[in-house]
């Protein structure tokens, strides 16, 4: 069964919530890129980098649960 994940970001009164399924991380990264590239979006490249890092951390913890 595929598990669902959630990432959230609060910034300057905006609340971003990203829900995705395991294995769809690449699609989520593409969403970050599209949002950061949009000049009308409050979501910027730093936000994309922070959330991308969090995805990597989650994956790393799953591969090495002992730490």
PDB file of N, CA and C in Angstrom:
ATOM      1  N   UNK A   1       0.831  -1.179   0.000  1.00  0.00           N
ATOM      2  CA  UNK A   1       0.000   0.000   0.000  1.00  0.00           C
ATOM      3  C   UNK A   1       0.881   1.251   0.000  1.00  0.00           C
ATOM      4  N   UNK A   2       0.533   2.215  -0.805  1.00  0.00           N
ATOM      5  CA  UNK A   2       1.279   3.457  -0.903  1.00  0.00           C
ATOM      6  C   UNK A   2       0.868   4.392   0.225  1.00  0.00           C
ATOM      7  N   UNK A   3       1.865   4.898   0.938  1.00  0.00           N
ATOM      8  CA  UNK A   3       1.528   5.825   2.017  1.00  0.00           C
ATOM      9  C   UNK A   3       1.517   7.261   1.496  1.00  0.00           C
ATOM     10  N   UNK A   4       0.739   8.063   2.145  1.00  0.00           N
ATOM     11  CA  UNK A   4       0.626   9.477   1.775  1.00  0.00           C
ATOM     12  C   UNK A   4       1.492  10.300   2.716  1.00  0.00           C
ATOM     13  N   UNK A   5       2.013  11.357   2.181  1.00  0.00           N
ATOM     14  CA  UNK A   5       2.880  12.246   2.947  1.00  0.00           C
ATOM     15  C   UNK A   5       2.369  13.673   2.840  1.00  0.00           C
ATOM     16  N   UNK A   6       2.833  14.494   3.748  1.00  0.00           N
ATOM     17  CA  UNK A   6       2.412  15.892   3.745  1.00  0.00           C
ATOM     18  C   UNK A   6       3.596  16.770   4.157  1.00  0.00           C
ATOM     19  N   UNK A   7       3.824  17.822   3.406  1.00  0.00           N
ATOM     20  CA  UNK A   7       4.797  18.850   3.757  1.00  0.00           C
ATOM     21  C   UNK A   7       4.043  20.164   3.882  1.00  0.00           C
ATOM     22  N   UNK A   8       4.397  20.946   4.876  1.00  0.00           N
ATOM     23  CA  UNK A   8       3.749  22.249   5.031  1.00  0.00           C
ATOM     24  C   UNK A   8       4.805  23.335   5.180  1.00  0.00           C
ATOM     25  N   UNK A   9       4.419  24.527   4.771  1.00  0.00           N
ATOM     26  CA  UNK A   9       5.291  25.689   4.894  1.00  0.00           C
ATOM     27  C   UNK A   9       4.426  26.899   5.205  1.00  0.00           C
ATOM     28  N   UNK A  10       4.786  27.606   6.261  1.00  0.00           N
ATOM     29  CA  UNK A  10       4.107  28.858   6.595  1.00  0.00           C
ATOM     30  C   UNK A  10       5.098  29.985   6.384  1.00  0.00           C
ATOM     31  N   UNK A  11       4.642  31.014   5.640  1.00  0.00           N
ATOM     32  CA  UNK A  11       5.539  32.113   5.295  1.00  0.00           C
ATOM     33  C   UNK A  11       4.728  33.376   5.059  1.00  0.00           C
ATOM     34  N   UNK A  12       5.036  34.402   5.788  1.00  0.00           N
ATOM     35  CA  UNK A  12       4.418  35.718   5.569  1.00  0.00           C
ATOM     36  C   UNK A  12       2.898  35.652   5.445  1.00  0.00           C
ATOM     37  N   UNK A  13       2.262  34.892   6.311  1.00  0.00           N
ATOM     38  CA  UNK A  13       0.804  34.795   6.289  1.00  0.00           C
ATOM     39  C   UNK A  13       0.247  33.812   5.274  1.00  0.00           C
ATOM     40  N   UNK A  14       1.111  33.174   4.511  1.00  0.00           N
ATOM     41  CA  UNK A  14       0.679  32.157   3.546  1.00  0.00           C
ATOM     42  C   UNK A  14       0.933  30.779   4.148  1.00  0.00           C
ATOM     43  N   UNK A  15       0.068  29.859   3.841  1.00  0.00           N
ATOM     44  CA  UNK A  15       0.186  28.491   4.341  1.00  0.00           C
ATOM     45  C   UNK A  15       0.149  27.557   3.133  1.00  0.00           C
ATOM     46  N   UNK A  16       1.281  26.918   2.856  1.00  0.00           N
ATOM     47  CA  UNK A  16       1.387  25.992   1.732  1.00  0.00           C
ATOM     48  C   UNK A  16       1.322  24.569   2.271  1.00  0.00           C
ATOM     49  N   UNK A  17       0.470  23.753   1.691  1.00  0.00           N
ATOM     50  CA  UNK A  17       0.336  22.353   2.083  1.00  0.00           C
ATOM     51  C   UNK A  17       0.501  21.503   0.827  1.00  0.00           C
ATOM     52  N   UNK A  18       1.442  20.577   0.871  1.00  0.00           N
ATOM     53  CA  UNK A  18       1.703  19.688  -0.255  1.00  0.00           C
ATOM     54  C   UNK A  18       1.479  18.255   0.206  1.00  0.00           C
ATOM     55  N   UNK A  19       0.539  17.582  -0.408  1.00  0.00           N
ATOM     56  CA  UNK A  19       0.264  16.174  -0.113  1.00  0.00           C
ATOM     57  C   UNK A  19       0.672  15.350  -1.323  1.00  0.00           C
ATOM     58  N   UNK A  20       1.354  14.245  -1.047  1.00  0.00           N
ATOM     59  CA  UNK A  20       1.825  13.406  -2.141  1.00  0.00           C
ATOM     60  C   UNK A  20       1.968  11.968  -1.664  1.00  0.00           C
ATOM     61  N   UNK A  21       2.022  11.058  -2.606  1.00  0.00           N
ATOM     62  CA  UNK A  21       2.193   9.631  -2.309  1.00  0.00           C
ATOM     63  C   UNK A  21       3.657   9.250  -2.466  1.00  0.00           C
ATOM     64  N   UNK A  22       4.080   8.240  -1.714  1.00  0.00           N
ATOM     65  CA  UNK A  22       5.423   7.697  -1.888  1.00  0.00           C
ATOM     66  C   UNK A  22       5.660   7.400  -3.360  1.00  0.00           C
ATOM     67  N   UNK A  23       6.840   7.728  -3.826  1.00  0.00           N
ATOM     68  CA  UNK A  23       7.187   7.468  -5.215  1.00  0.00           C
ATOM     69  C   UNK A  23       6.858   8.618  -6.151  1.00  0.00           C
ATOM     70  N   UNK A  24       6.188   9.644  -5.638  1.00  0.00           N
ATOM     71  CA  UNK A  24       5.811  10.796  -6.475  1.00  0.00           C
ATOM     72  C   UNK A  24       6.632  12.041  -6.124  1.00  0.00           C
ATOM     73  N   UNK A  25       7.768  11.833  -5.501  1.00  0.00           N
ATOM     74  CA  UNK A  25       8.597  12.954  -5.078  1.00  0.00           C
ATOM     75  C   UNK A  25       9.069  13.804  -6.259  1.00  0.00           C
ATOM     76  N   UNK A  26       9.380  13.159  -7.374  1.00  0.00           N
ATOM     77  CA  UNK A  26       9.835  13.906  -8.556  1.00  0.00           C
ATOM     78  C   UNK A  26       8.742  14.850  -9.043  1.00  0.00           C
ATOM     79  N   UNK A  27       7.509  14.391  -9.016  1.00  0.00           N
ATOM     80  CA  UNK A  27       6.390  15.254  -9.410  1.00  0.00           C
ATOM     81  C   UNK A  27       6.261  16.442  -8.459  1.00  0.00           C
ATOM     82  N   UNK A  28       6.464  16.192  -7.179  1.00  0.00           N
ATOM     83  CA  UNK A  28       6.383  17.271  -6.201  1.00  0.00           C
ATOM     84  C   UNK A  28       7.500  18.287  -6.426  1.00  0.00           C
ATOM     85  N   UNK A  29       8.699  17.803  -6.714  1.00  0.00           N
ATOM     86  CA  UNK A  29       9.803  18.716  -7.008  1.00  0.00           C
ATOM     87  C   UNK A  29       9.499  19.571  -8.234  1.00  0.00           C
ATOM     88  N   UNK A  30       8.879  18.977  -9.241  1.00  0.00           N
ATOM     89  CA  UNK A  30       8.487  19.739 -10.433  1.00  0.00           C
ATOM     90  C   UNK A  30       7.468  20.818 -10.072  1.00  0.00           C
ATOM     91  N   UNK A  31       6.591  20.515  -9.141  1.00  0.00           N
ATOM     92  CA  UNK A  31       5.619  21.508  -8.671  1.00  0.00           C
ATOM     93  C   UNK A  31       6.338  22.656  -7.972  1.00  0.00           C
ATOM     94  N   UNK A  32       7.329  22.335  -7.139  1.00  0.00           N
ATOM     95  CA  UNK A  32       8.106  23.380  -6.475  1.00  0.00           C
ATOM     96  C   UNK A  32       8.767  24.301  -7.498  1.00  0.00           C
ATOM     97  N   UNK A  33       9.361  23.704  -8.530  1.00  0.00           N
ATOM     98  CA  UNK A  33      10.035  24.485  -9.573  1.00  0.00           C
ATOM     99  C   UNK A  33       9.048  25.409 -10.275  1.00  0.00           C
ATOM    100  N   UNK A  34       7.894  24.872 -10.638  1.00  0.00           N
ATOM    101  CA  UNK A  34       6.887  25.679 -11.334  1.00  0.00           C
ATOM    102  C   UNK A  34       6.412  26.836 -10.458  1.00  0.00           C
ATOM    103  N   UNK A  35       6.188  26.559  -9.192  1.00  0.00           N
ATOM    104  CA  UNK A  35       5.717  27.618  -8.294  1.00  0.00           C
ATOM    105  C   UNK A  35       6.793  28.675  -8.060  1.00  0.00           C
ATOM    106  N   UNK A  36       8.038  28.242  -7.872  1.00  0.00           N
ATOM    107  CA  UNK A  36       9.125  29.188  -7.622  1.00  0.00           C
ATOM    108  C   UNK A  36       9.412  30.051  -8.854  1.00  0.00           C
ATOM    109  N   UNK A  37       9.216  29.496 -10.032  1.00  0.00           N
ATOM    110  CA  UNK A  37       9.466  30.232 -11.276  1.00  0.00           C
ATOM    111  C   UNK A  37       8.351  31.216 -11.607  1.00  0.00           C
ATOM    112  N   UNK A  38       7.213  31.070 -10.964  1.00  0.00           N
ATOM    113  CA  UNK A  38       6.062  31.941 -11.230  1.00  0.00           C
ATOM    114  C   UNK A  38       6.237  33.264 -10.477  1.00  0.00           C
ATOM    115  N   UNK A  39       6.384  34.374 -11.201  1.00  0.00           N
ATOM    116  CA  UNK A  39       6.596  35.654 -10.523  1.00  0.00           C
ATOM    117  C   UNK A  39       5.395  36.112  -9.689  1.00  0.00           C
ATOM    118  N   UNK A  40       4.235  35.539  -9.921  1.00  0.00           N
ATOM    119  CA  UNK A  40       3.040  35.905  -9.152  1.00  0.00           C
ATOM    120  C   UNK A  40       2.873  35.074  -7.884  1.00  0.00           C
ATOM    121  N   UNK A  41       3.736  34.094  -7.693  1.00  0.00           N
ATOM    122  CA  UNK A  41       3.640  33.208  -6.533  1.00  0.00           C
ATOM    123  C   UNK A  41       4.470  33.747  -5.374  1.00  0.00           C
ATOM    124  N   UNK A  42       3.960  33.582  -4.172  1.00  0.00           N
ATOM    125  CA  UNK A  42       4.706  33.947  -2.965  1.00  0.00           C
ATOM    126  C   UNK A  42       5.748  32.879  -2.613  1.00  0.00           C
ATOM    127  N   UNK A  43       5.680  31.749  -3.276  1.00  0.00           N
ATOM    128  CA  UNK A  43       6.595  30.628  -3.066  1.00  0.00           C
ATOM    129  C   UNK A  43       7.852  30.900  -3.887  1.00  0.00           C
ATOM    130  N   UNK A  44       9.022  30.954  -3.236  1.00  0.00           N
ATOM    131  CA  UNK A  44      10.238  31.299  -3.969  1.00  0.00           C
ATOM    132  C   UNK A  44      11.237  30.138  -3.978  1.00  0.00           C
ATOM    133  N   UNK A  45      12.409  30.406  -4.563  1.00  0.00           N
ATOM    134  CA  UNK A  45      13.414  29.343  -4.714  1.00  0.00           C
ATOM    135  C   UNK A  45      13.947  28.867  -3.368  1.00  0.00           C
ATOM    136  N   UNK A  46      14.026  29.743  -2.400  1.00  0.00           N
ATOM    137  CA  UNK A  46      14.462  29.319  -1.070  1.00  0.00           C
ATOM    138  C   UNK A  46      13.457  28.341  -0.474  1.00  0.00           C
ATOM    139  N   UNK A  47      12.174  28.638  -0.635  1.00  0.00           N
ATOM    140  CA  UNK A  47      11.127  27.737  -0.147  1.00  0.00           C
ATOM    141  C   UNK A  47      11.250  26.371  -0.818  1.00  0.00           C
ATOM    142  N   UNK A  48      11.487  26.390  -2.128  1.00  0.00           N
ATOM    143  CA  UNK A  48      11.644  25.139  -2.875  1.00  0.00           C
ATOM    144  C   UNK A  48      12.839  24.348  -2.349  1.00  0.00           C
ATOM    145  N   UNK A  49      13.926  25.049  -2.058  1.00  0.00           N
ATOM    146  CA  UNK A  49      15.120  24.378  -1.547  1.00  0.00           C
ATOM    147  C   UNK A  49      14.873  23.769  -0.174  1.00  0.00           C
ATOM    148  N   UNK A  50      14.203  24.506   0.695  1.00  0.00           N
ATOM    149  CA  UNK A  50      13.923  24.010   2.051  1.00  0.00           C
ATOM    150  C   UNK A  50      13.059  22.751   1.996  1.00  0.00           C
ATOM    151  N   UNK A  51      11.991  22.792   1.212  1.00  0.00           N
ATOM    152  CA  UNK A  51      11.096  21.633   1.142  1.00  0.00           C
ATOM    153  C   UNK A  51      11.754  20.463   0.417  1.00  0.00           C
ATOM    154  N   UNK A  52      12.577  20.749  -0.590  1.00  0.00           N
ATOM    155  CA  UNK A  52      13.312  19.680  -1.275  1.00  0.00           C
ATOM    156  C   UNK A  52      14.251  18.979  -0.299  1.00  0.00           C
ATOM    157  N   UNK A  53      14.898  19.761   0.544  1.00  0.00           N
ATOM    158  CA  UNK A  53      15.777  19.198   1.562  1.00  0.00           C
ATOM    159  C   UNK A  53      14.991  18.296   2.513  1.00  0.00           C
ATOM    160  N   UNK A  54      13.809  18.734   2.902  1.00  0.00           N
ATOM    161  CA  UNK A  54      12.982  17.926   3.798  1.00  0.00           C
ATOM    162  C   UNK A  54      12.599  16.596   3.155  1.00  0.00           C
ATOM    163  N   UNK A  55      12.303  16.607   1.867  1.00  0.00           N
ATOM    164  CA  UNK A  55      12.002  15.355   1.164  1.00  0.00           C
ATOM    165  C   UNK A  55      13.212  14.429   1.234  1.00  0.00           C
ATOM    166  N   UNK A  56      14.391  14.982   0.997  1.00  0.00           N
ATOM    167  CA  UNK A  56      15.615  14.182   1.065  1.00  0.00           C
ATOM    168  C   UNK A  56      15.866  13.627   2.454  1.00  0.00           C
ATOM    169  N   UNK A  57      15.598  14.418   3.469  1.00  0.00           N
ATOM    170  CA  UNK A  57      15.774  13.963   4.848  1.00  0.00           C
ATOM    171  C   UNK A  57      14.828  12.811   5.170  1.00  0.00           C
ATOM    172  N   UNK A  58      13.584  12.917   4.729  1.00  0.00           N
ATOM    173  CA  UNK A  58      12.618  11.840   4.963  1.00  0.00           C
ATOM    174  C   UNK A  58      13.088  10.553   4.292  1.00  0.00           C
ATOM    175  N   UNK A  59      13.563  10.669   3.068  1.00  0.00           N
ATOM    176  CA  UNK A  59      14.033   9.486   2.340  1.00  0.00           C
ATOM    177  C   UNK A  59      15.247   8.883   3.031  1.00  0.00           C
ATOM    178  N   UNK A  60      16.146   9.723   3.495  1.00  0.00           N
ATOM    179  CA  UNK A  60      17.343   9.253   4.182  1.00  0.00           C
ATOM    180  C   UNK A  60      16.992   8.512   5.470  1.00  0.00           C
ATOM    181  N   UNK A  61      16.044   9.035   6.216  1.00  0.00           N
ATOM    182  CA  UNK A  61      15.625   8.391   7.460  1.00  0.00           C
ATOM    183  C   UNK A  61      14.993   7.032   7.197  1.00  0.00           C
ATOM    184  N   UNK A  62      14.280   6.914   6.092  1.00  0.00           N
ATOM    185  CA  UNK A  62      13.658   5.628   5.766  1.00  0.00           C
ATOM    186  C   UNK A  62      14.695   4.598   5.344  1.00  0.00           C
ATOM    187  N   UNK A  63      15.755   5.055   4.675  1.00  0.00           N
ATOM    188  CA  UNK A  63      16.797   4.132   4.241  1.00  0.00           C
ATOM    189  C   UNK A  63      17.685   3.700   5.400  1.00  0.00           C
ATOM    190  N   UNK A  64      17.840   4.558   6.398  1.00  0.00           N
ATOM    191  CA  UNK A  64      18.680   4.274   7.555  1.00  0.00           C
ATOM    192  C   UNK A  64      17.915   4.617   8.830  1.00  0.00           C
ATOM    193  N   UNK A  65      16.925   3.794   9.195  1.00  0.00           N
ATOM    194  CA  UNK A  65      16.076   4.126  10.343  1.00  0.00           C
ATOM    195  C   UNK A  65      16.811   4.134  11.681  1.00  0.00           C
ATOM    196  N   UNK A  66      17.984   3.517  11.746  1.00  0.00           N
ATOM    197  CA  UNK A  66      18.732   3.466  12.996  1.00  0.00           C
ATOM    198  C   UNK A  66      19.378   4.815  13.284  1.00  0.00           C
ATOM    199  N   UNK A  67      19.746   5.524  12.230  1.00  0.00           N
ATOM    200  CA  UNK A  67      20.234   6.865  12.419  1.00  0.00           C
ATOM    201  C   UNK A  67      21.666   7.065  12.195  1.00  0.00           C
TER     202      UNK A  67
END
